[in-house]
Protein backbone atom coordinates (compact mmCIF):
# COMPACT_ATOMS: atom_id res chain seq x y z
CA LEU A 1 -16.26 38.69 -42.66
CA GLU A 2 -16.68 35.14 -43.64
CA ASN A 3 -13.09 34.00 -42.77
CA ASN A 4 -13.50 36.38 -39.81
CA THR A 5 -16.49 34.46 -38.44
CA ILE A 6 -14.61 31.05 -39.41
CA LEU A 7 -11.62 31.96 -37.42
CA MET A 8 -13.65 32.67 -34.26
CA ASP A 9 -15.37 29.86 -34.45
CA LYS A 10 -11.93 27.74 -34.37
CA LEU A 11 -11.23 29.87 -31.91
CA LYS A 12 -13.76 28.90 -29.29
CA LYS A 13 -13.63 25.56 -30.28
CA VAL A 14 -9.67 25.69 -29.59
CA GLN A 15 -10.64 27.31 -26.16
CA GLN A 16 -13.20 24.64 -25.11
CA GLU A 17 -10.64 22.10 -26.05
CA ASN A 18 -8.33 23.67 -23.92
CA GLU A 19 -10.36 24.06 -20.98
CA ASP A 20 -11.47 19.96 -21.52
CA LEU A 21 -7.69 19.26 -21.18
CA LYS A 22 -7.58 21.65 -18.35
CA ALA A 23 -9.94 19.85 -16.35
CA ARG A 24 -8.47 16.21 -17.30
CA MET A 25 -5.34 17.49 -16.21
CA ASP A 26 -6.96 18.40 -12.47
CA LYS A 27 -8.76 15.28 -12.17
CA HIS A 28 -5.49 13.64 -13.15
CA MET A 29 -3.73 15.17 -10.72
CA GLU A 30 -5.62 14.77 -7.96
CA LEU A 31 -6.04 11.16 -9.02
CA SER A 32 -2.07 11.07 -8.25
CA ARG A 33 -1.91 12.58 -5.09
CA GLN A 34 -4.78 10.06 -3.98
CA LEU A 35 -2.38 7.30 -5.26
CA SER A 36 0.42 8.52 -3.78
CA THR A 37 -1.25 8.88 -0.42
CA GLU A 38 -2.43 5.29 -0.43
CA GLN A 39 1.42 4.15 -1.51
CA ALA A 40 2.72 5.77 1.65
CA VAL A 41 -0.04 4.18 3.85
CA LEU A 42 0.32 0.70 2.08
CA GLN A 43 3.81 1.06 2.55
CA GLU A 44 4.13 1.89 5.88
CA SER A 45 1.58 -1.32 6.48
CA LEU A 46 4.15 -3.32 4.81
CA GLU A 47 7.25 -1.93 6.55
CA LYS A 48 4.85 -2.84 10.16
CA GLU A 49 4.19 -6.13 8.48
CA SER A 50 7.93 -7.26 7.89
CA LYS A 51 8.82 -6.18 11.25
CA VAL A 52 6.16 -8.51 12.88
CA ASN A 53 6.51 -10.81 10.34
CA LYS A 54 10.49 -10.78 11.11
CA ARG A 55 9.82 -10.67 14.95
CA LEU A 56 7.34 -13.89 14.78
CA SER A 57 10.40 -15.78 12.37
CA MET A 58 13.03 -14.84 15.22
CA GLU A 59 10.67 -16.25 17.70
CA ASN A 60 9.98 -19.57 15.98
CA GLU A 61 13.64 -19.91 15.42
CA GLU A 62 14.53 -19.47 18.83
CA LEU A 63 11.56 -22.24 19.87
CA LEU A 64 13.10 -24.58 17.02
CA TRP A 65 16.53 -24.14 18.34
CA LYS A 66 15.03 -24.78 22.21
CA LEU A 67 12.92 -27.61 20.85
CA HIS A 68 16.28 -29.35 19.26
CA ASN A 69 18.19 -28.62 22.17
CA GLY A 70 15.62 -29.68 24.69
CA ASP A 71 15.24 -26.40 26.47
CA LEU A 72 11.90 -26.25 26.42
CA CYS A 73 9.57 -25.73 29.42
CA SER A 74 7.11 -28.31 30.37
CA PRO A 75 3.72 -28.00 28.45
CA ARG A 76 1.99 -27.08 31.93
CA LYS A 77 4.31 -23.74 32.03
CA LEU A 78 3.58 -22.72 28.36
CA SER A 79 0.31 -20.30 27.77
CA PRO A 80 -3.21 -22.32 27.51
CA SER A 81 -3.42 -21.24 23.74
CA SER A 82 0.00 -23.51 22.91
CA PRO A 83 -0.29 -26.80 21.86
CA SER A 84 0.40 -29.48 24.32
CA VAL A 85 1.16 -31.98 21.23
CA PRO A 86 4.88 -32.55 20.35
CA LEU A 87 5.98 -31.15 16.89
């Protein structure tokens, strides 16, 4: 009987540890899902920014080419926010 009581106590302890581990696993899975979602959003944002950066770089190269080849419009034809001082 005493042996049975000891075994029942051990069983309860192991069952409680099992429940705790299941709860921790659930928390980790939820965190993993959140991080995966965040990573996807950040990846999409990075791709958009990379496209914008590439477009701006190409525009910059085009403007530099025009500047070096004397193909730029007069400063009055540029947008008001553009600098009128030559680079």
